Amino acid sequence: MSRVVFGCEGIPLELKMTPLPPATIRPTGRVLACARDPRAQEHLLNAIRRNGYEAQAVATLQDLQNALVNDEYAAAVIDEPESTQAIEALEAAVRLADRATQFIIVPAIGQRILPPRSVSCEIIDPPFTPERIGRSLFAAVGRAQLIAENIQLKQRLEGRMFDGLIGVSDATRRLRSEIQNAAEHDRPVLVVGEPGCGKSEVARAVHLTRSGPGAPLLTIRCGLLTAGAVERELYGDAEFEGRLISATNGTLVFEDVDLLSIPLQQELASIVFNNAFKHGDSYAPLGARIVATTSADIQKLASEGNFDRRLCDVLTRNRVDVLPLRQRMEDINVLTEFFLQQCAVREGQPIRQVSQEALDRLHSHTWPGNVRELENVISRCCSIATTNNVITPEELEPWMQASENDAEDPGLTLREMERKLIEATFNRFGGNRELTAKALKIGIRTLSGKLREYGYPPRGGPGSNRHKKVA
């Protein structure tokens, strides 16, 4: 029986060989062949299939990269590549897409290719028999399966760590990577993005990745509080411990930092540069990680004199950008499913489904209000009692039109409105829980539960009001 040996330009040399012995255990997976010459393609496909693998072929490295980035392949066999550098660039693009593909290089007869720096590439020596290709494939596909399992485990762990950052798009995966990079140090971080795109969730993810769920996460909403109220929140007074102290060993988030007054911006810059703040008659070390969020271009504001230059410089050194939903439309399906699950838990109802036509309608929208707007649309659909378990385009349409007509301010969810009301009242009464609960006409236990959910210290702990005088 004859076998094919691949030579220069894919010209085969015939050799007589015995049939391949059957493998008792063989890793499974798809393999992609890349060769410019159609005859070389055919010979590679025959060799791959003869070893029991599903095979496809492409003609160029660019076609190969597009296929590997967009689909799962265990291995790629490349005939006569131009250079090692081209293979390394190809592998870098594939790894960026979280693919486990391994590479097998078949050089031309007499061609010298330097070994790639990556262990994911193997150069096989002549003769290029199906047996030799088969042995390389066996090892490569086995490695790919192990790497794929590690990638899946990593993604599951990331899903637990970033439970509020739902998405499968490349943009969302890059965002998770940037969050992990930001969590490797304690320097201030600036989170930038349009309203409703998830900046608060990113700030929370930075906190959880760096400090863990047991550390304090406190937020100052610069757009809701006066300069005096922000200053009191930061430093406290004789009856109230400031958040610079309460957030020690945790994270202090300045939401909409561009709305902070210029004098307070200057104070914050001094705190960051000195790594200390005024506490009573002395100075205390800054023990909290500073994270700021904004929807504005603070560099432009600083150039116009509307933002402190020193604070701008220190914040923009470590910047995380959150793309709007219209630039990561691949996330819509999983976000919709997530919001449907949330609604089902909140309403105590079975999880509703979305028809394909309704999904198409969601994908056709530009989402000026971003993820928050999508959440509002899904929540409003689920809030109306219906016997139909499947959401249709007709059911979506009124809420979609309302969103389109209200693009400037897509509105807040009920949960966000509740939080803003509770925090504003809590601040108005100087952190006194009894007076806050009385003003809101809710029980003190209900209020304490809400505040604990928002990241405030427990009642009687640092920053609580147990030691305060009740007015």
Protein backbone atom coordinates (compact mmCIF):
# COMPACT_ATOMS: atom_id res chain seq x y z
CA MET A 1 0.00 0.00 0.00
CA SER A 2 1.38 3.43 -0.90
CA ARG A 3 1.58 6.50 1.29
CA VAL A 4 2.21 10.13 0.41
CA VAL A 5 5.31 12.04 1.48
CA PHE A 6 4.98 15.81 1.17
CA GLY A 7 7.81 17.67 -0.47
CA CYS A 8 8.52 21.16 -1.73
CA GLU A 9 5.45 22.96 -3.10
CA GLY A 10 3.28 20.05 -1.97
CA ILE A 11 4.66 17.60 -4.57
CA PRO A 12 4.11 14.06 -3.21
CA LEU A 13 6.67 11.27 -3.14
CA GLU A 14 5.17 7.79 -3.03
CA LEU A 15 6.40 5.32 -0.42
CA LYS A 16 5.22 1.82 0.38
CA MET A 17 4.09 1.51 3.98
CA THR A 18 2.08 -0.77 6.19
CA PRO A 19 -1.38 0.26 7.41
CA LEU A 20 -1.62 2.32 10.59
CA PRO A 21 -2.27 0.26 13.72
CA PRO A 22 -5.57 1.09 15.40
CA ALA A 23 -5.25 3.40 18.41
CA THR A 24 -6.87 2.17 21.59
CA ILE A 25 -7.26 5.70 22.99
CA ARG A 26 -7.33 8.64 20.60
CA PRO A 27 -8.10 12.26 21.52
CA THR A 28 -10.89 13.69 19.43
CA GLY A 29 -11.08 17.10 17.82
CA ARG A 30 -11.25 18.99 14.57
CA VAL A 31 -8.08 19.78 12.66
CA LEU A 32 -7.52 22.55 10.13
CA ALA A 33 -5.01 22.21 7.30
CA CYS A 34 -3.40 25.25 5.66
CA ALA A 35 -1.61 24.97 2.31
CA ARG A 36 -1.36 27.25 -0.71
CA ASP A 37 -1.17 24.40 -3.23
CA PRO A 38 -4.49 22.54 -3.78
CA ARG A 39 -2.61 19.24 -4.09
CA ALA A 40 -0.85 19.84 -0.80
CA GLN A 41 -4.21 20.63 0.79
CA GLU A 42 -5.62 17.34 -0.45
CA HIS A 43 -2.65 15.34 0.80
CA LEU A 44 -2.83 16.96 4.25
CA LEU A 45 -6.56 16.31 4.47
CA ASN A 46 -6.04 12.66 3.59
CA ALA A 47 -3.29 12.25 6.19
CA ILE A 48 -5.38 13.94 8.92
CA ARG A 49 -8.52 11.96 8.16
CA ARG A 50 -6.53 8.72 7.91
CA ASN A 51 -5.58 9.29 11.57
CA GLY A 52 -9.23 9.56 12.55
CA TYR A 53 -9.72 13.32 12.82
CA GLU A 54 -12.29 15.57 11.17
CA ALA A 55 -10.43 17.87 8.78
CA GLN A 56 -10.95 21.07 6.79
CA ALA A 57 -8.58 23.13 4.66
CA VAL A 58 -7.78 26.79 3.95
CA ALA A 59 -5.28 28.39 1.57
CA THR A 60 -3.72 31.31 3.51
CA LEU A 61 -2.59 32.12 7.05
CA GLN A 62 -5.14 34.94 7.18
CA ASP A 63 -7.94 32.48 6.35
CA LEU A 64 -6.50 30.16 8.98
CA GLN A 65 -6.48 32.91 11.61
CA ASN A 66 -10.08 33.90 10.85
CA ALA A 67 -11.23 30.29 11.16
CA LEU A 68 -9.32 29.60 14.39
CA VAL A 69 -10.45 32.80 16.10
CA ASN A 70 -14.11 32.24 15.26
CA ASP A 71 -14.38 28.50 15.86
CA GLU A 72 -12.91 25.65 17.91
CA TYR A 73 -10.13 23.54 16.38
CA ALA A 74 -7.84 21.26 18.34
CA ALA A 75 -4.91 21.57 15.93
CA ALA A 76 -3.76 23.27 12.75
CA VAL A 77 -1.30 21.70 10.29
CA ILE A 78 0.52 24.39 8.28
CA ASP A 79 2.33 23.50 5.07
CA GLU A 80 5.45 25.52 4.23
CA PRO A 81 4.84 28.71 6.26
CA GLU A 82 6.71 31.85 5.27
CA SER A 83 8.45 32.37 8.61
CA THR A 84 8.44 31.60 12.29
CA GLN A 85 7.33 35.19 12.99
CA ALA A 86 4.16 34.66 10.96
CA ILE A 87 3.32 31.59 13.04
CA GLU A 88 3.99 33.45 16.30
CA ALA A 89 1.71 36.32 15.22
CA LEU A 90 -0.96 33.79 14.28
CA GLU A 91 -0.70 32.06 17.63
CA ALA A 92 -0.89 35.36 19.54
CA ALA A 93 -4.20 36.20 17.82
CA VAL A 94 -5.57 32.72 18.56
CA ARG A 95 -4.56 32.87 22.23
CA LEU A 96 -6.16 36.30 22.57
CA ALA A 97 -9.44 34.65 21.52
CA ASP A 98 -8.99 32.03 24.29
CA ARG A 99 -8.57 29.16 21.82
CA ALA A 100 -6.55 26.06 22.72
CA THR A 101 -5.42 25.24 19.16
CA GLN A 102 -1.99 23.58 18.78
CA PHE A 103 0.16 24.10 15.67
CA ILE A 104 2.08 21.59 13.56
CA ILE A 105 4.46 23.00 10.95
CA VAL A 106 5.35 21.02 7.82
CA PRO A 107 8.36 22.79 6.22
CA ALA A 108 9.41 22.41 2.62
CA ILE A 109 12.22 19.99 1.87
CA GLY A 110 15.44 21.84 2.69
CA GLN A 111 13.59 24.76 4.32
CA ARG A 112 15.04 25.83 7.68
CA ILE A 113 12.52 27.26 10.12
CA LEU A 114 13.65 28.40 13.55
CA PRO A 115 11.66 26.76 16.36
CA PRO A 116 8.88 29.08 17.58
CA ARG A 117 9.18 30.42 21.10
CA SER A 118 5.86 28.80 22.02
CA VAL A 119 5.50 25.19 23.12
CA SER A 120 2.20 25.14 21.21
CA CYS A 121 4.11 24.77 17.90
CA GLU A 122 5.90 21.66 16.66
CA ILE A 123 8.04 21.38 13.55
CA ILE A 124 8.01 17.86 12.15
CA ASP A 125 10.95 16.42 10.26
CA PRO A 126 10.79 14.57 6.94
CA PRO A 127 9.64 12.17 5.75
CA PHE A 128 6.17 13.70 6.16
CA THR A 129 4.31 10.42 6.30
CA PRO A 130 0.78 10.03 7.66
CA GLU A 131 2.29 8.07 10.57
CA ARG A 132 4.56 10.94 11.54
CA ILE A 133 1.79 13.50 11.13
CA GLY A 134 -0.50 11.19 13.12
CA ARG A 135 1.91 11.01 16.06
CA SER A 136 2.22 14.78 16.12
CA LEU A 137 -1.55 15.16 15.92
CA PHE A 138 -2.08 12.71 18.76
CA ALA A 139 0.15 14.77 21.08
CA ALA A 140 -1.19 18.13 19.83
CA VAL A 141 -4.88 17.23 20.20
CA GLY A 142 -4.23 15.82 23.67
CA ARG A 143 -2.55 19.08 24.73
CA ALA A 144 -5.40 21.09 23.22
CA GLN A 145 -7.97 19.17 25.26
CA LEU A 146 -6.09 19.83 28.50
CA ILE A 147 -5.68 23.53 27.66
CA ALA A 148 -9.37 23.80 26.71
CA GLU A 149 -10.36 22.32 30.08
CA ASN A 150 -8.13 24.87 31.84
CA ILE A 151 -9.67 27.70 29.82
CA GLN A 152 -13.18 26.54 30.74
CA LEU A 153 -12.20 26.31 34.41
CA LYS A 154 -10.73 29.82 34.25
CA GLN A 155 -13.93 31.14 32.64
CA ARG A 156 -16.07 29.53 35.33
CA LEU A 157 -13.90 31.07 38.04
CA GLU A 158 -14.10 34.45 36.29
CA GLY A 159 -17.87 34.05 36.14
CA ARG A 160 -17.99 33.73 39.90
CA MET A 161 -15.59 36.63 40.43
CA PHE A 162 -17.30 38.87 37.88
CA ASP A 163 -20.88 37.81 38.52
CA GLY A 164 -22.17 41.27 37.61
CA LEU A 165 -20.23 41.47 34.33
CA ILE A 166 -22.32 39.25 32.10
CA GLY A 167 -21.14 38.79 28.53
CA VAL A 168 -19.40 36.59 25.99
CA SER A 169 -18.12 39.23 23.55
CA ASP A 170 -14.43 39.86 22.97
CA ALA A 171 -14.95 43.32 24.50
CA THR A 172 -16.29 41.84 27.74
CA ARG A 173 -13.50 39.28 27.91
CA ARG A 174 -10.93 42.04 27.43
CA LEU A 175 -12.68 44.02 30.16
CA ARG A 176 -12.31 41.12 32.60
CA SER A 177 -8.62 40.93 31.71
CA GLU A 178 -8.19 44.68 32.34
CA ILE A 179 -9.94 44.30 35.70
CA GLN A 180 -7.52 41.54 36.68
CA ASN A 181 -4.59 43.75 35.68
CA ALA A 182 -6.01 46.65 37.72
CA ALA A 183 -6.40 44.35 40.73
CA GLU A 184 -2.70 43.53 40.78
CA HIS A 185 -1.79 46.88 42.35
CA ASP A 186 -3.25 49.38 44.83
CA ARG A 187 -2.97 52.51 42.68
CA PRO A 188 -6.14 54.53 41.90
CA VAL A 189 -8.22 53.28 38.98
CA LEU A 190 -10.45 55.31 36.66
CA VAL A 191 -13.46 53.52 35.12
CA VAL A 192 -14.79 55.33 32.04
CA GLY A 193 -17.96 54.66 30.09
CA GLU A 194 -21.33 55.96 29.00
CA PRO A 195 -24.20 56.14 31.54
CA GLY A 196 -25.76 52.74 32.12
CA CYS A 197 -22.91 50.67 30.66
CA GLY A 198 -21.92 49.03 33.97
CA LYS A 199 -19.21 51.23 35.51
CA SER A 200 -20.38 50.46 39.05
CA GLU A 201 -20.16 46.73 38.37
CA VAL A 202 -16.63 47.18 37.05
CA ALA A 203 -15.65 49.10 40.19
CA ARG A 204 -17.15 46.32 42.29
CA ALA A 205 -15.27 43.68 40.27
CA VAL A 206 -11.96 45.52 40.80
CA HIS A 207 -12.70 45.55 44.52
CA LEU A 208 -13.66 41.86 44.71
CA THR A 209 -10.67 40.77 42.66
CA ARG A 210 -8.22 42.75 44.77
CA SER A 211 -9.72 42.73 48.27
CA GLY A 212 -12.32 39.97 48.31
CA PRO A 213 -15.97 39.98 49.45
CA GLY A 214 -15.16 40.44 53.14
CA ALA A 215 -13.50 43.84 52.73
CA PRO A 216 -15.53 47.09 52.85
CA LEU A 217 -16.76 48.58 49.57
CA LEU A 218 -18.07 52.12 50.06
CA THR A 219 -19.35 54.55 47.45
CA ILE A 220 -19.61 58.34 47.40
CA ARG A 221 -22.03 59.57 44.75
CA CYS A 222 -20.52 62.90 43.83
CA GLY A 223 -23.49 63.93 41.68
CA LEU A 224 -26.04 63.54 44.50
CA LEU A 225 -24.25 65.23 47.37
CA THR A 226 -23.24 68.81 48.03
CA ALA A 227 -19.58 69.66 48.55
CA GLY A 228 -20.18 69.92 52.29
CA ALA A 229 -21.90 66.53 52.41
CA VAL A 230 -19.07 64.89 50.44
CA GLU A 231 -16.49 66.39 52.79
CA ARG A 232 -18.41 65.07 55.80
CA GLU A 233 -18.69 61.65 54.15
CA LEU A 234 -14.94 61.60 53.62
CA TYR A 235 -13.67 62.86 56.97
CA GLY A 236 -16.61 62.37 59.34
CA ASP A 237 -16.99 64.39 62.51
CA ALA A 238 -17.26 63.89 66.25
CA GLU A 239 -20.32 61.66 65.80
CA PHE A 240 -19.64 60.08 62.40
CA GLU A 241 -16.59 58.15 61.26
CA GLY A 242 -15.60 59.17 57.75
CA ARG A 243 -15.39 56.75 54.87
CA LEU A 244 -11.65 57.25 54.45
CA ILE A 245 -11.39 55.37 57.75
CA SER A 246 -14.33 53.01 57.25
CA ALA A 247 -13.02 51.82 53.89
CA THR A 248 -9.62 50.82 55.28
CA ASN A 249 -8.40 47.54 53.72
CA GLY A 250 -11.17 47.88 51.15
CA THR A 251 -12.25 50.19 48.35
CA LEU A 252 -13.68 53.71 48.25
CA VAL A 253 -15.50 54.49 45.00
CA PHE A 254 -16.09 58.07 43.80
CA GLU A 255 -19.01 57.76 41.41
CA ASP A 256 -19.16 60.54 38.77
CA VAL A 257 -15.89 62.00 39.99
CA ASP A 258 -16.14 64.77 37.38
CA LEU A 259 -19.03 66.22 39.43
CA LEU A 260 -16.82 66.58 42.51
CA SER A 261 -16.06 70.21 43.31
CA ILE A 262 -12.62 71.49 42.27
CA PRO A 263 -11.45 72.09 45.90
CA LEU A 264 -12.41 68.51 46.80
CA GLN A 265 -10.68 67.23 43.67
CA GLN A 266 -7.54 69.01 44.85
CA GLU A 267 -7.92 67.47 48.31
CA LEU A 268 -8.38 64.01 46.83
CA ALA A 269 -5.27 64.48 44.66
CA SER A 270 -3.26 65.45 47.76
CA ILE A 271 -4.55 62.40 49.64
CA VAL A 272 -3.51 60.11 46.80
CA PHE A 273 -0.07 61.69 46.32
CA ASN A 274 0.69 61.78 50.06
CA ASN A 275 -1.01 58.43 50.74
CA ALA A 276 -2.41 60.06 53.89
CA PHE A 277 -5.24 62.35 54.99
CA LYS A 278 -6.00 64.75 57.81
CA HIS A 279 -7.60 62.92 60.72
CA GLY A 280 -8.26 65.06 63.77
CA ASP A 281 -5.07 66.81 64.82
CA SER A 282 -2.79 64.40 62.95
CA TYR A 283 -2.54 62.48 59.70
CA ALA A 284 -3.71 58.93 59.07
CA PRO A 285 -2.39 56.65 56.32
CA LEU A 286 -4.69 55.99 53.39
CA GLY A 287 -5.70 52.37 53.76
CA ALA A 288 -8.41 52.27 51.08
CA ARG A 289 -8.10 51.62 47.36
CA ILE A 290 -9.46 54.59 45.36
CA VAL A 291 -11.64 53.85 42.33
CA ALA A 292 -13.32 56.66 40.38
CA THR A 293 -15.96 56.41 37.68
CA THR A 294 -16.97 58.96 35.07
CA SER A 295 -18.88 59.36 31.84
CA ALA A 296 -16.94 62.52 30.96
CA ASP A 297 -13.61 63.17 29.26
CA ILE A 298 -11.74 64.42 32.31
CA GLN A 299 -8.59 65.13 30.28
CA LYS A 300 -10.58 67.58 28.18
CA LEU A 301 -12.15 69.04 31.32
CA ALA A 302 -8.69 69.45 32.85
CA SER A 303 -7.40 71.25 29.75
CA GLU A 304 -10.37 73.64 30.04
CA GLY A 305 -9.70 74.27 33.73
CA ASN A 306 -12.81 72.38 34.87
CA PHE A 307 -11.01 69.44 36.49
CA ASP A 308 -7.94 69.33 38.71
CA ARG A 309 -4.90 68.54 36.59
CA ARG A 310 -3.06 66.57 39.30
CA LEU A 311 -6.06 64.36 39.99
CA CYS A 312 -6.58 63.85 36.25
CA ASP A 313 -2.96 62.77 35.82
CA VAL A 314 -3.04 60.24 38.65
CA LEU A 315 -6.41 58.75 37.68
CA THR A 316 -5.72 58.35 33.96
CA ARG A 317 -2.55 56.32 34.58
CA ASN A 318 -4.70 53.27 35.31
CA ARG A 319 -7.82 53.51 33.18
CA VAL A 320 -10.45 50.87 32.40
CA ASP A 321 -12.83 51.63 29.52
CA VAL A 322 -16.29 50.05 29.43
CA LEU A 323 -17.69 49.92 25.91
CA PRO A 324 -21.35 50.79 25.26
CA LEU A 325 -23.74 47.92 24.59
CA ARG A 326 -24.06 48.84 20.90
CA GLN A 327 -20.38 47.94 20.50
CA ARG A 328 -20.76 44.51 22.12
CA MET A 329 -24.08 43.30 20.77
CA GLU A 330 -22.96 39.68 21.19
CA ASP A 331 -23.72 40.14 24.92
CA ILE A 332 -27.43 40.85 24.42
CA ASN A 333 -28.57 37.22 24.50
CA VAL A 334 -26.78 36.29 27.72
CA LEU A 335 -27.68 39.61 29.36
CA THR A 336 -31.33 39.06 28.47
CA GLU A 337 -31.24 35.57 29.95
CA PHE A 338 -29.60 36.93 33.11
CA PHE A 339 -32.24 39.66 33.55
CA LEU A 340 -35.04 37.14 32.94
CA GLN A 341 -33.64 34.97 35.74
CA GLN A 342 -33.42 37.98 38.05
CA CYS A 343 -37.02 38.91 37.30
CA ALA A 344 -38.19 35.36 37.95
CA VAL A 345 -36.53 35.33 41.37
CA ARG A 346 -37.86 38.79 42.22
CA GLU A 347 -41.42 38.08 41.08
CA GLY A 348 -41.52 34.47 42.28
CA GLN A 349 -42.53 33.32 38.80
CA PRO A 350 -41.16 30.77 36.30
CA ILE A 351 -38.38 32.06 34.06
CA ARG A 352 -39.81 33.49 30.86
CA GLN A 353 -38.31 32.83 27.44
CA VAL A 354 -37.70 35.21 24.54
CA SER A 355 -38.73 34.29 21.01
CA GLN A 356 -36.18 34.51 18.20
CA GLU A 357 -38.18 37.36 16.66
CA ALA A 358 -38.03 39.24 19.97
CA LEU A 359 -34.26 38.68 20.18
CA ASP A 360 -33.95 40.04 16.65
CA ARG A 361 -35.83 43.15 17.80
CA LEU A 362 -33.45 43.56 20.74
CA HIS A 363 -30.49 43.30 18.37
CA SER A 364 -31.95 45.93 16.05
CA HIS A 365 -32.04 48.56 18.81
CA THR A 366 -29.12 51.00 19.33
CA TRP A 367 -29.42 50.99 23.17
CA PRO A 368 -28.54 54.60 24.01
CA GLY A 369 -29.14 53.72 27.66
CA ASN A 370 -26.86 50.69 27.44
CA VAL A 371 -27.20 47.68 29.77
CA ARG A 372 -29.41 49.61 32.18
CA GLU A 373 -31.89 50.28 29.39
CA LEU A 374 -31.97 46.60 28.41
CA GLU A 375 -32.57 45.64 32.03
CA ASN A 376 -35.44 48.14 32.24
CA VAL A 377 -37.10 46.78 29.08
CA ILE A 378 -36.88 43.17 30.28
CA SER A 379 -38.04 44.06 33.81
CA ARG A 380 -41.08 45.93 32.49
CA CYS A 381 -42.06 43.01 30.26
CA CYS A 382 -41.80 40.61 33.20
CA SER A 383 -43.74 42.89 35.56
CA ILE A 384 -46.95 42.47 33.58
CA ALA A 385 -48.94 39.34 34.40
CA THR A 386 -49.45 37.11 31.39
CA THR A 387 -50.22 33.49 30.63
CA ASN A 388 -47.71 33.47 27.76
CA ASN A 389 -44.31 32.22 28.91
CA VAL A 390 -42.60 33.48 25.74
CA ILE A 391 -41.89 37.19 25.24
CA THR A 392 -42.86 38.29 21.73
CA PRO A 393 -41.82 41.35 19.69
CA GLU A 394 -45.32 42.79 20.22
CA GLU A 395 -44.81 42.60 23.98
CA LEU A 396 -41.42 44.30 23.72
CA GLU A 397 -42.50 47.06 21.36
CA PRO A 398 -44.17 49.52 23.80
CA TRP A 399 -41.15 49.47 26.10
CA MET A 400 -38.70 49.69 23.20
CA GLN A 401 -40.51 52.74 21.85
CA ALA A 402 -40.51 54.30 25.31
CA SER A 403 -36.74 53.77 25.48
CA GLU A 404 -36.24 55.29 22.03
CA ASN A 405 -38.30 58.34 22.99
CA ASP A 406 -36.31 58.74 26.21
CA ALA A 407 -32.80 58.25 24.88
CA GLU A 408 -31.37 61.18 26.84
CA ASP A 409 -32.29 59.60 30.18
CA PRO A 410 -33.35 55.96 29.95
CA GLY A 411 -34.36 56.11 33.59
CA LEU A 412 -33.47 54.14 36.68
CA THR A 413 -34.60 50.72 37.76
CA LEU A 414 -36.82 50.53 40.83
CA ARG A 415 -33.88 49.12 42.75
CA GLU A 416 -31.67 52.06 41.77
CA MET A 417 -34.38 54.57 42.66
CA GLU A 418 -34.84 52.88 46.04
CA ARG A 419 -31.10 52.95 46.73
CA LYS A 420 -30.75 56.61 45.82
CA LEU A 421 -33.70 57.52 48.06
CA ILE A 422 -32.38 55.52 51.01
CA GLU A 423 -28.83 56.86 50.71
CA ALA A 424 -29.95 60.46 50.27
CA THR A 425 -32.16 60.20 53.37
CA PHE A 426 -29.42 58.42 55.31
CA ASN A 427 -26.96 61.21 54.47
CA ARG A 428 -29.54 63.89 55.32
CA PHE A 429 -29.86 62.47 58.84
CA GLY A 430 -26.10 62.15 59.27
CA GLY A 431 -26.11 58.35 59.25
CA ASN A 432 -28.71 58.04 62.02
CA ARG A 433 -30.57 54.81 61.24
CA GLU A 434 -33.50 55.37 63.56
CA LEU A 435 -34.31 58.79 62.09
CA THR A 436 -33.73 57.49 58.54
CA ALA A 437 -36.06 54.52 59.03
CA LYS A 438 -38.71 56.78 60.57
CA ALA A 439 -38.53 59.25 57.68
CA LEU A 440 -38.76 56.44 55.11
CA LYS A 441 -41.52 54.71 57.12
CA ILE A 442 -39.71 51.36 57.08
CA GLY A 443 -38.45 49.11 59.87
CA ILE A 444 -34.95 49.57 61.28
CA ARG A 445 -34.12 45.94 60.39
CA THR A 446 -35.23 46.52 56.80
CA LEU A 447 -33.10 49.65 56.58
CA SER A 448 -30.07 47.90 58.09
CA GLY A 449 -30.44 45.06 55.60
CA LYS A 450 -30.54 47.51 52.70
CA LEU A 451 -27.50 49.42 53.97
CA ARG A 452 -25.59 46.17 54.45
CA GLU A 453 -26.45 45.27 50.84
CA TYR A 454 -25.06 48.65 49.70
CA GLY A 455 -21.75 48.01 51.48
CA TYR A 456 -22.24 50.09 54.64
CA PRO A 457 -20.64 48.83 57.88
CA PRO A 458 -22.91 46.73 60.13
CA ARG A 459 -24.89 48.40 62.87
CA GLY A 460 -22.63 49.06 65.82
CA GLY A 461 -19.45 48.59 63.77
CA PRO A 462 -17.09 51.25 62.40
CA GLY A 463 -19.07 53.92 60.62
CA SER A 464 -22.42 52.93 62.14
CA ASN A 465 -24.49 55.18 64.39
CA ARG A 466 -24.81 53.06 67.52
CA HIS A 467 -22.43 55.33 69.45
CA LYS A 468 -24.13 58.48 68.21
CA LYS A 469 -26.57 60.69 70.01
CA VAL A 470 -30.05 60.40 68.63
CA ALA A 471 -31.48 63.81 67.86
